[in-house]
Each structure stands twice: as structure tokens, then as C-alpha cells.
Amino acid sequence: QVQLVESGGGLVQAGGSLRLSCAASGRTFTNYVMGWFRQAPGKEREFVAAIFWSGGTTFYADSVKGRFTISRDNAKNTVYLQMNSLKLEDTAVYYCAAKELSYFSSSPYRGYDYWGQGTQVTVSS
């Protein structure tokens, strides 16, 4: 059973930085894509960033390009989301997600099978 445990959320002032971590267990994730999503109050969950575990190709939502960086540590089975220049509109619950890649399911933007419990990020003015 895949388990994803997020950490690193908190309260930060606008312009500040946070690093989220997602510890993954239960599988060998070589053929997986790992993603970060977020959901703000009253809004739908949205894609933030993703990384192919094998090869490290990354993908970002336009709203976070240039500010957020997704990375992974193979030895620790952990995925990170470094968030810089945080804005008020980045306030949300951030979720880590995992999906096993297949011919029919290769998009890094949707269709994830496994989710973490979420971690709150609050950006204040």
C-alpha cells in the first residue's frame, strides 16, 4: 500500500519561502510520477507541479513557474516542493500525490491514484 506523508507547511509572510516534503513508502517508485496539488477554501483542487521519478522531468502550473521547484531524493524516497516568493494566493492545503505510469495514463497533470493527507500553507500580508 502506497503511503504519502506531507510535512513542512506553516505560516509565512508574503515574499517568504517554505519547503514541503512528501515521504513516500510502500512501493518502488521508479515508474511513477509524483505531483503536488493544492486546494484553497471554496476552490477546486488544482495542479501545482509534478516530477517523473525516473529521469526527473518536471512540470509546473503557470501560476508557480519561476517561484516553485519540485525535486526528489531517491535515497530518501522523498519529494520536495521548494516555494519561494510566496504570494497571498498561494494559501491552500497542499497535497502530495502519486501515480503509476502506463500507456493509458501518462499525464503528469491528472489521474493520480494515491494522495497524502495534506499540509496547510498560509501566506500572510
Protein backbone atom coordinates (compact mmCIF):
# COMPACT_ATOMS: atom_id res chain seq x y z
CA GLN A 1 0.00 0.00 0.00
CA VAL A 2 1.37 3.37 -1.04
CA GLN A 3 1.69 5.88 1.77
CA LEU A 4 2.41 9.57 1.27
CA VAL A 5 3.12 11.79 4.25
CA GLU A 6 3.48 15.53 3.77
CA SER A 7 5.25 17.92 6.10
CA GLY A 8 6.66 21.43 6.10
CA GLY A 9 3.57 23.57 5.88
CA GLY A 10 3.02 26.59 8.06
CA LEU A 11 2.52 30.33 8.25
CA VAL A 12 4.81 32.60 6.25
CA GLN A 13 4.79 36.22 5.21
CA ALA A 14 4.32 37.20 1.61
CA GLY A 15 7.64 37.06 -0.19
CA GLY A 16 8.92 34.33 2.09
CA SER A 17 9.80 30.70 1.43
CA LEU A 18 8.74 27.26 2.58
CA ARG A 19 9.82 23.76 1.63
CA LEU A 20 7.27 20.97 1.65
CA SER A 21 8.31 17.34 1.91
CA CYS A 22 6.48 14.19 0.88
CA ALA A 23 7.80 10.92 2.27
CA ALA A 24 6.68 8.04 0.05
CA SER A 25 6.63 4.37 1.02
CA GLY A 26 5.08 1.06 0.07
CA ARG A 27 6.37 0.73 -3.47
CA THR A 28 9.37 1.18 -5.70
CA PHE A 29 8.53 4.45 -7.38
CA THR A 30 10.75 4.18 -10.44
CA ASN A 31 7.77 4.08 -12.83
CA TYR A 32 5.77 6.73 -11.01
CA VAL A 33 5.05 10.39 -11.42
CA MET A 34 4.83 12.40 -8.20
CA GLY A 35 2.74 15.52 -8.01
CA TRP A 36 1.81 18.41 -5.78
CA PHE A 37 -1.70 19.81 -5.83
CA ARG A 38 -3.38 22.47 -3.73
CA GLN A 39 -6.88 23.43 -2.70
CA ALA A 40 -7.81 26.86 -1.42
CA PRO A 41 -11.04 27.48 0.52
CA GLY A 42 -14.03 27.49 -1.80
CA LYS A 43 -11.96 26.44 -4.79
CA GLU A 44 -11.32 23.22 -6.63
CA ARG A 45 -8.09 21.32 -6.17
CA GLU A 46 -5.53 22.39 -8.74
CA PHE A 47 -2.28 21.05 -10.15
CA VAL A 48 0.89 22.74 -8.90
CA ALA A 49 3.88 20.67 -10.01
CA ALA A 50 4.97 17.15 -10.92
CA ILE A 51 8.13 15.14 -11.46
CA PHE A 52 8.81 11.83 -13.16
CA TRP A 53 10.64 9.79 -10.58
CA SER A 54 12.79 8.21 -13.25
CA GLY A 55 14.60 10.89 -15.20
CA GLY A 56 13.41 13.82 -13.14
CA THR A 57 11.43 15.66 -15.82
CA THR A 58 9.38 18.39 -14.17
CA PHE A 59 6.13 20.17 -14.91
CA TYR A 60 4.65 23.31 -13.38
CA ALA A 61 1.44 25.27 -13.35
CA ASP A 62 1.86 28.70 -14.94
CA SER A 63 0.98 30.36 -11.64
CA VAL A 64 4.06 28.93 -9.89
CA LYS A 65 6.66 28.79 -12.68
CA GLY A 66 9.84 30.53 -11.66
CA ARG A 67 8.87 30.51 -7.98
CA PHE A 68 8.38 26.84 -7.07
CA THR A 69 10.77 23.95 -7.64
CA ILE A 70 9.90 20.27 -7.38
CA SER A 71 12.65 17.73 -6.75
CA ARG A 72 13.13 14.22 -5.42
CA ASP A 73 15.68 12.37 -3.33
CA ASN A 74 15.89 8.77 -4.46
CA ALA A 75 17.76 7.60 -1.39
CA LYS A 76 15.14 9.03 0.95
CA ASN A 77 12.10 8.27 -1.24
CA THR A 78 11.07 11.85 -0.69
CA VAL A 79 9.71 14.53 -2.98
CA TYR A 80 10.13 18.21 -2.19
CA LEU A 81 8.39 21.40 -3.20
CA GLN A 82 10.53 24.46 -2.63
CA MET A 83 8.27 27.51 -2.64
CA ASN A 84 9.85 30.95 -2.96
CA SER A 85 8.40 34.44 -3.36
CA LEU A 86 5.17 33.25 -1.82
CA LYS A 87 2.02 35.23 -2.53
CA LEU A 88 -1.26 35.55 -0.65
CA GLU A 89 -2.94 33.50 -3.36
CA ASP A 90 -0.63 30.54 -2.62
CA THR A 91 -2.55 29.98 0.62
CA ALA A 92 -4.06 26.49 0.43
CA VAL A 93 -3.86 22.93 1.65
CA TYR A 94 -1.09 21.26 -0.34
CA TYR A 95 -1.36 17.58 -1.23
CA CYS A 96 1.26 15.15 -2.43
CA ALA A 97 0.10 12.57 -4.96
CA ALA A 98 1.49 9.57 -6.82
CA LYS A 99 0.53 7.76 -10.00
CA GLU A 100 1.97 4.71 -11.67
CA LEU A 101 2.65 5.49 -15.30
CA SER A 102 1.12 3.38 -18.06
CA TYR A 103 0.37 3.64 -21.76
CA PHE A 104 -3.14 4.82 -20.93
CA SER A 105 -2.22 7.03 -18.01
CA SER A 106 0.89 9.08 -18.60
CA SER A 107 -0.25 12.64 -17.97
CA PRO A 108 1.52 14.34 -15.06
CA TYR A 109 -1.41 16.72 -14.65
CA ARG A 110 -4.25 14.40 -13.66
CA GLY A 111 -5.38 10.89 -12.82
CA TYR A 112 -3.42 10.35 -9.61
CA ASP A 113 -4.16 7.22 -7.58
CA TYR A 114 -2.61 7.95 -4.21
CA TRP A 115 -2.86 11.04 -2.02
CA GLY A 116 -1.38 12.31 1.18
CA GLN A 117 -3.37 13.89 3.99
CA GLY A 118 -2.39 17.43 3.08
CA THR A 119 -0.45 20.20 4.78
CA GLN A 120 -1.66 23.76 5.29
CA VAL A 121 0.28 26.66 3.82
CA THR A 122 -0.85 30.12 4.88
CA VAL A 123 0.72 33.25 3.40
CA SER A 124 0.06 36.46 5.32
CA SER A 125 0.50 40.09 4.30
